[in-house]
Amino acid sequence: MDGNIRMLGQILNNSNLGGFISSLIEENDIQSVLETGTMDGTGSTKVLYDALLSKPNPKLFSFEINPSYFSLAKKRYESVEWVKIYNGSIINFHDVTIQKIDTARQKWLDEDLKNYNSSQYINLDDYSFDLCFLDSSEFCGFQEFKTVEKKTKYVILDDTKTLKHVDTLEYCLKNHECILNFDGDRNGWACFKMKES
């Protein structure tokens, strides 16, 4: 792994969420992980990578729609065979229903649309995971969750107090086992164990 790239990551090993991720992976049979929102690979991706290092058969699949961030992350992990970084998304963004948003968020949405249109949609029909860490676009958190709900044992939602995961959090609190709902840290985050339907 290339350690000479400037770090932009927000979730680090010594953060509350970083420590929780490490403990969750260490204390449970978690070897295959999906992440949305790689950024440059120095935040949650690095935490997940470090936590999976001791596992006998680790797999990390991470998705980033921003081409600049994708390039940085791809370079950082290009020598690690079990880490796959994709310039793509697990949802078809054109199927996302966007509520009325303010002018500031409209610029954000326009940028996301541009990035989605230049990246690829990855179909997950044939995949399953032990853990999914969802932290990408502000506008499609619930759609991402519904894509992985029946394909994973655990889900971590980042930014539960923002538009991204407000609906996801409400749904999960009603339908799945809450391991931790930490709304006092950053923009909030939560972890759920999926109940079989």
C-alpha atoms as a PDB file:
ATOM      1  CA  MET A   1       0.000   0.000   0.000  1.00  0.00           C
ATOM      2  CA  ASP A   2       1.323   3.441  -0.953  1.00  0.00           C
ATOM      3  CA  GLY A   3       1.770   5.544   2.195  1.00  0.00           C
ATOM      4  CA  ASN A   4       3.070   8.652   0.428  1.00  0.00           C
ATOM      5  CA  ILE A   5      -0.305  10.105  -0.571  1.00  0.00           C
ATOM      6  CA  ARG A   6      -1.685  13.087   1.348  1.00  0.00           C
ATOM      7  CA  MET A   7      -4.389  11.929   3.760  1.00  0.00           C
ATOM      8  CA  LEU A   8      -7.907  13.365   3.549  1.00  0.00           C
ATOM      9  CA  GLY A   9      -9.766  10.749   5.603  1.00  0.00           C
ATOM     10  CA  GLN A  10     -12.290  11.795   8.236  1.00  0.00           C
ATOM     11  CA  ILE A  11     -12.800   8.487  10.067  1.00  0.00           C
ATOM     12  CA  LEU A  12      -9.512   7.335  11.581  1.00  0.00           C
ATOM     13  CA  ASN A  13      -8.459   4.397  13.744  1.00  0.00           C
ATOM     14  CA  ASN A  14      -8.373   6.590  16.871  1.00  0.00           C
ATOM     15  CA  SER A  15     -11.863   8.051  16.296  1.00  0.00           C
ATOM     16  CA  ASN A  16     -14.978   6.706  18.033  1.00  0.00           C
ATOM     17  CA  LEU A  17     -16.307   5.171  14.827  1.00  0.00           C
ATOM     18  CA  GLY A  18     -12.883   3.868  13.780  1.00  0.00           C
ATOM     19  CA  GLY A  19     -12.442   2.111  17.116  1.00  0.00           C
ATOM     20  CA  PHE A  20     -15.934   0.644  16.898  1.00  0.00           C
ATOM     21  CA  ILE A  21     -15.317  -0.705  13.368  1.00  0.00           C
ATOM     22  CA  SER A  22     -12.084  -2.353  14.486  1.00  0.00           C
ATOM     23  CA  SER A  23     -13.738  -3.995  17.496  1.00  0.00           C
ATOM     24  CA  LEU A  24     -16.755  -5.165  15.495  1.00  0.00           C
ATOM     25  CA  ILE A  25     -14.557  -6.860  12.889  1.00  0.00           C
ATOM     26  CA  GLU A  26     -12.157  -8.298  15.464  1.00  0.00           C
ATOM     27  CA  GLU A  27     -14.895  -9.757  17.686  1.00  0.00           C
ATOM     28  CA  ASN A  28     -17.093 -11.211  14.940  1.00  0.00           C
ATOM     29  CA  ASP A  29     -16.663 -13.470  11.919  1.00  0.00           C
ATOM     30  CA  ILE A  30     -16.347 -10.560   9.488  1.00  0.00           C
ATOM     31  CA  GLN A  31     -14.075 -11.111   6.487  1.00  0.00           C
ATOM     32  CA  SER A  32     -15.899  -9.634   3.483  1.00  0.00           C
ATOM     33  CA  VAL A  33     -16.763  -5.937   3.600  1.00  0.00           C
ATOM     34  CA  LEU A  34     -18.446  -3.546   1.199  1.00  0.00           C
ATOM     35  CA  GLU A  35     -17.875   0.194   1.579  1.00  0.00           C
ATOM     36  CA  THR A  36     -19.515   3.087  -0.259  1.00  0.00           C
ATOM     37  CA  GLY A  37     -17.741   6.432  -0.253  1.00  0.00           C
ATOM     38  CA  THR A  38     -14.048   5.531  -0.448  1.00  0.00           C
ATOM     39  CA  MET A  39     -12.924   9.146  -0.795  1.00  0.00           C
ATOM     40  CA  ASP A  40      -9.124   8.930  -1.118  1.00  0.00           C
ATOM     41  CA  GLY A  41      -8.843   5.694   0.880  1.00  0.00           C
ATOM     42  CA  THR A  42      -7.257   7.180   3.997  1.00  0.00           C
ATOM     43  CA  GLY A  43     -10.337   7.307   6.253  1.00  0.00           C
ATOM     44  CA  SER A  44     -12.822   4.479   6.774  1.00  0.00           C
ATOM     45  CA  THR A  45     -11.184   2.453   3.993  1.00  0.00           C
ATOM     46  CA  LYS A  46      -7.898   2.440   5.938  1.00  0.00           C
ATOM     47  CA  VAL A  47      -9.719   1.540   9.172  1.00  0.00           C
ATOM     48  CA  LEU A  48     -11.439  -1.380   7.425  1.00  0.00           C
ATOM     49  CA  TYR A  49      -8.165  -2.449   5.778  1.00  0.00           C
ATOM     50  CA  ASP A  50      -6.296  -2.428   9.107  1.00  0.00           C
ATOM     51  CA  ALA A  51      -9.061  -4.357  10.882  1.00  0.00           C
ATOM     52  CA  LEU A  52      -9.225  -7.018   8.154  1.00  0.00           C
ATOM     53  CA  LEU A  53      -5.450  -7.603   8.009  1.00  0.00           C
ATOM     54  CA  SER A  54      -5.565 -10.334  10.657  1.00  0.00           C
ATOM     55  CA  LYS A  55      -8.392 -12.254   8.977  1.00  0.00           C
ATOM     56  CA  PRO A  56      -7.529 -15.449   7.054  1.00  0.00           C
ATOM     57  CA  ASN A  57      -9.476 -14.535   3.895  1.00  0.00           C
ATOM     58  CA  PRO A  58     -10.168 -10.788   3.857  1.00  0.00           C
ATOM     59  CA  LYS A  59     -12.042  -9.007   1.065  1.00  0.00           C
ATOM     60  CA  LEU A  60     -12.771  -5.295   0.834  1.00  0.00           C
ATOM     61  CA  PHE A  61     -14.867  -3.861  -2.000  1.00  0.00           C
ATOM     62  CA  SER A  62     -15.023  -0.078  -1.982  1.00  0.00           C
ATOM     63  CA  PHE A  63     -16.971   2.263  -4.269  1.00  0.00           C
ATOM     64  CA  GLU A  64     -16.254   5.918  -5.101  1.00  0.00           C
ATOM     65  CA  ILE A  65     -17.976   8.017  -7.783  1.00  0.00           C
ATOM     66  CA  ASN A  66     -15.634  11.018  -7.672  1.00  0.00           C
ATOM     67  CA  PRO A  67     -12.936  10.284 -10.302  1.00  0.00           C
ATOM     68  CA  SER A  68     -10.192  12.250  -8.519  1.00  0.00           C
ATOM     69  CA  TYR A  69     -10.752  10.529  -5.185  1.00  0.00           C
ATOM     70  CA  PHE A  70     -11.050   7.163  -6.945  1.00  0.00           C
ATOM     71  CA  SER A  71      -7.632   7.658  -8.597  1.00  0.00           C
ATOM     72  CA  LEU A  72      -5.990   8.446  -5.260  1.00  0.00           C
ATOM     73  CA  ALA A  73      -7.560   5.447  -3.524  1.00  0.00           C
ATOM     74  CA  LYS A  74      -6.828   3.087  -6.427  1.00  0.00           C
ATOM     75  CA  LYS A  75      -3.160   4.074  -6.341  1.00  0.00           C
ATOM     76  CA  ARG A  76      -2.992   3.688  -2.576  1.00  0.00           C
ATOM     77  CA  TYR A  77      -4.251   0.072  -2.616  1.00  0.00           C
ATOM     78  CA  GLU A  78      -3.093  -1.139  -6.026  1.00  0.00           C
ATOM     79  CA  SER A  79      -0.610  -3.595  -4.519  1.00  0.00           C
ATOM     80  CA  VAL A  80      -3.165  -5.179  -2.155  1.00  0.00           C
ATOM     81  CA  GLU A  81      -4.828  -8.056  -3.998  1.00  0.00           C
ATOM     82  CA  TRP A  82      -7.833  -8.391  -1.663  1.00  0.00           C
ATOM     83  CA  VAL A  83      -8.804  -4.699  -1.788  1.00  0.00           C
ATOM     84  CA  LYS A  84     -10.888  -3.746  -4.834  1.00  0.00           C
ATOM     85  CA  ILE A  85     -11.598  -0.056  -5.470  1.00  0.00           C
ATOM     86  CA  TYR A  86     -14.294   0.759  -8.032  1.00  0.00           C
ATOM     87  CA  ASN A  87     -15.110   4.024  -9.775  1.00  0.00           C
ATOM     88  CA  GLY A  88     -18.780   3.226  -9.522  1.00  0.00           C
ATOM     89  CA  SER A  89     -21.916   2.824  -7.458  1.00  0.00           C
ATOM     90  CA  ILE A  90     -24.060  -0.022  -6.145  1.00  0.00           C
ATOM     91  CA  ILE A  91     -27.238   1.817  -7.182  1.00  0.00           C
ATOM     92  CA  ASN A  92     -28.557   3.313 -10.390  1.00  0.00           C
ATOM     93  CA  PHE A  93     -28.691   6.981  -9.381  1.00  0.00           C
ATOM     94  CA  HIS A  94     -31.398   7.739 -11.926  1.00  0.00           C
ATOM     95  CA  ASP A  95     -33.780   5.590  -9.857  1.00  0.00           C
ATOM     96  CA  VAL A  96     -33.245   7.751  -6.757  1.00  0.00           C
ATOM     97  CA  THR A  97     -36.173   9.943  -5.692  1.00  0.00           C
ATOM     98  CA  ILE A  98     -34.878  13.353  -4.606  1.00  0.00           C
ATOM     99  CA  GLN A  99     -36.973  15.451  -2.250  1.00  0.00           C
ATOM    100  CA  LYS A 100     -37.078  19.236  -2.686  1.00  0.00           C
ATOM    101  CA  ILE A 101     -33.697  20.602  -1.649  1.00  0.00           C
ATOM    102  CA  ASP A 102     -32.180  24.046  -1.046  1.00  0.00           C
ATOM    103  CA  THR A 103     -29.850  25.894  -3.423  1.00  0.00           C
ATOM    104  CA  ALA A 104     -26.669  24.830  -1.602  1.00  0.00           C
ATOM    105  CA  ARG A 105     -27.627  21.166  -1.813  1.00  0.00           C
ATOM    106  CA  GLN A 106     -28.619  21.567  -5.478  1.00  0.00           C
ATOM    107  CA  LYS A 107     -24.948  22.288  -6.363  1.00  0.00           C
ATOM    108  CA  TRP A 108     -23.973  19.176  -4.414  1.00  0.00           C
ATOM    109  CA  LEU A 109     -26.610  17.128  -6.234  1.00  0.00           C
ATOM    110  CA  ASP A 110     -25.468  18.441  -9.632  1.00  0.00           C
ATOM    111  CA  GLU A 111     -21.891  17.380  -8.833  1.00  0.00           C
ATOM    112  CA  ASP A 112     -23.048  13.928  -7.735  1.00  0.00           C
ATOM    113  CA  LEU A 113     -25.099  13.518 -10.904  1.00  0.00           C
ATOM    114  CA  LYS A 114     -22.064  14.414 -13.002  1.00  0.00           C
ATOM    115  CA  ASN A 115     -19.940  11.862 -11.145  1.00  0.00           C
ATOM    116  CA  TYR A 116     -22.591   9.136 -11.336  1.00  0.00           C
ATOM    117  CA  ASN A 117     -22.942   9.687 -15.079  1.00  0.00           C
ATOM    118  CA  SER A 118     -19.187   9.208 -15.566  1.00  0.00           C
ATOM    119  CA  SER A 119     -18.885   6.143 -13.311  1.00  0.00           C
ATOM    120  CA  GLN A 120     -20.282   2.641 -13.589  1.00  0.00           C
ATOM    121  CA  TYR A 121     -23.194   0.915 -11.907  1.00  0.00           C
ATOM    122  CA  ILE A 122     -22.103  -2.363 -10.284  1.00  0.00           C
ATOM    123  CA  ASN A 123     -24.824  -5.007  -9.917  1.00  0.00           C
ATOM    124  CA  LEU A 124     -24.565  -6.897  -6.608  1.00  0.00           C
ATOM    125  CA  ASP A 125     -27.019  -9.709  -7.406  1.00  0.00           C
ATOM    126  CA  ASP A 126     -24.348 -12.407  -7.067  1.00  0.00           C
ATOM    127  CA  TYR A 127     -22.609 -10.968  -3.989  1.00  0.00           C
ATOM    128  CA  SER A 128     -22.981 -11.206  -0.232  1.00  0.00           C
ATOM    129  CA  PHE A 129     -20.990  -9.565   2.562  1.00  0.00           C
ATOM    130  CA  ASP A 130     -20.401  -9.829   6.283  1.00  0.00           C
ATOM    131  CA  LEU A 131     -20.441  -6.041   6.764  1.00  0.00           C
ATOM    132  CA  CYS A 132     -21.539  -3.060   4.686  1.00  0.00           C
ATOM    133  CA  PHE A 133     -20.309   0.418   5.599  1.00  0.00           C
ATOM    134  CA  LEU A 134     -22.505   3.026   3.879  1.00  0.00           C
ATOM    135  CA  ASP A 135     -21.150   6.567   3.577  1.00  0.00           C
ATOM    136  CA  SER A 136     -21.482   7.941   0.053  1.00  0.00           C
ATOM    137  CA  SER A 137     -23.861  10.418  -1.569  1.00  0.00           C
ATOM    138  CA  GLU A 138     -26.069  12.645   0.562  1.00  0.00           C
ATOM    139  CA  PHE A 139     -28.993  11.762  -1.701  1.00  0.00           C
ATOM    140  CA  CYS A 140     -29.084   7.974  -1.917  1.00  0.00           C
ATOM    141  CA  GLY A 141     -28.365   6.480   1.509  1.00  0.00           C
ATOM    142  CA  PHE A 142     -31.657   4.633   1.828  1.00  0.00           C
ATOM    143  CA  GLN A 143     -31.462   3.231  -1.714  1.00  0.00           C
ATOM    144  CA  GLU A 144     -27.942   1.957  -1.009  1.00  0.00           C
ATOM    145  CA  PHE A 145     -29.152   0.329   2.197  1.00  0.00           C
ATOM    146  CA  LYS A 146     -32.073  -1.397   0.473  1.00  0.00           C
ATOM    147  CA  THR A 147     -29.596  -2.724  -2.125  1.00  0.00           C
ATOM    148  CA  VAL A 148     -27.536  -4.500   0.556  1.00  0.00           C
ATOM    149  CA  GLU A 149     -30.161  -5.219   3.233  1.00  0.00           C
ATOM    150  CA  LYS A 150     -30.541  -8.904   2.314  1.00  0.00           C
ATOM    151  CA  LYS A 151     -26.879  -9.350   1.313  1.00  0.00           C
ATOM    152  CA  THR A 152     -25.127  -8.648   4.604  1.00  0.00           C
ATOM    153  CA  LYS A 153     -25.008  -9.573   8.303  1.00  0.00           C
ATOM    154  CA  TYR A 154     -24.122  -6.104   9.617  1.00  0.00           C
ATOM    155  CA  VAL A 155     -24.583  -2.541   8.373  1.00  0.00           C
ATOM    156  CA  ILE A 156     -22.892   0.619   9.598  1.00  0.00           C
ATOM    157  CA  LEU A 157     -24.537   3.913   8.615  1.00  0.00           C
ATOM    158  CA  ASP A 158     -22.482   7.097   8.727  1.00  0.00           C
ATOM    159  CA  ASP A 159     -24.091  10.570   8.940  1.00  0.00           C
ATOM    160  CA  THR A 160     -27.378   9.423  10.460  1.00  0.00           C
ATOM    161  CA  LYS A 161     -28.380  12.983  11.371  1.00  0.00           C
ATOM    162  CA  THR A 162     -28.204  14.197   7.768  1.00  0.00           C
ATOM    163  CA  LEU A 163     -30.425  13.747   4.727  1.00  0.00           C
ATOM    164  CA  LYS A 164     -28.224  10.797   3.742  1.00  0.00           C
ATOM    165  CA  HIS A 165     -29.419   8.363   6.398  1.00  0.00           C
ATOM    166  CA  VAL A 166     -32.331   9.889   8.312  1.00  0.00           C
ATOM    167  CA  ASP A 167     -34.806   7.539   6.590  1.00  0.00           C
ATOM    168  CA  THR A 168     -32.391   4.602   6.762  1.00  0.00           C
ATOM    169  CA  LEU A 169     -31.938   5.014  10.515  1.00  0.00           C
ATOM    170  CA  GLU A 170     -35.685   5.217  11.127  1.00  0.00           C
ATOM    171  CA  TYR A 171     -36.273   2.095   9.033  1.00  0.00           C
ATOM    172  CA  CYS A 172     -33.468   0.108  10.684  1.00  0.00           C
ATOM    173  CA  LEU A 173     -34.593   1.000  14.208  1.00  0.00           C
ATOM    174  CA  LYS A 174     -37.991  -0.531  13.376  1.00  0.00           C
ATOM    175  CA  ASN A 175     -36.797  -3.564  11.427  1.00  0.00           C
ATOM    176  CA  HIS A 176     -33.320  -4.632  12.574  1.00  0.00           C
ATOM    177  CA  GLU A 177     -31.289  -5.182  15.744  1.00  0.00           C
ATOM    178  CA  CYS A 178     -29.572  -1.966  16.826  1.00  0.00           C
ATOM    179  CA  ILE A 179     -26.070  -2.636  18.140  1.00  0.00           C
ATOM    180  CA  LEU A 180     -25.194   1.034  18.639  1.00  0.00           C
ATOM    181  CA  ASN A 181     -26.810   4.351  17.704  1.00  0.00           C
ATOM    182  CA  PHE A 182     -24.282   7.091  18.456  1.00  0.00           C
ATOM    183  CA  ASP A 183     -25.850  10.444  17.586  1.00  0.00           C
ATOM    184  CA  GLY A 184     -23.415  12.503  19.676  1.00  0.00           C
ATOM    185  CA  ASP A 185     -20.384  11.948  17.424  1.00  0.00           C
ATOM    186  CA  ARG A 186     -19.861  14.028  14.259  1.00  0.00           C
ATOM    187  CA  ASN A 187     -23.096  13.753  12.216  1.00  0.00           C
ATOM    188  CA  GLY A 188     -24.133  10.568  13.989  1.00  0.00           C
ATOM    189  CA  TRP A 189     -23.593   6.911  13.087  1.00  0.00           C
ATOM    190  CA  ALA A 190     -25.201   3.608  13.879  1.00  0.00           C
ATOM    191  CA  CYS A 191     -24.645  -0.120  13.505  1.00  0.00           C
ATOM    192  CA  PHE A 192     -27.298  -2.781  12.957  1.00  0.00           C
ATOM    193  CA  LYS A 193     -27.342  -6.543  12.772  1.00  0.00           C
ATOM    194  CA  MET A 194     -29.705  -7.561   9.996  1.00  0.00           C
ATOM    195  CA  LYS A 195     -32.692  -9.691  10.966  1.00  0.00           C
ATOM    196  CA  GLU A 196     -33.613 -12.421   8.525  1.00  0.00           C
ATOM    197  CA  SER A 197     -36.992 -11.810   6.919  1.00  0.00           C
END
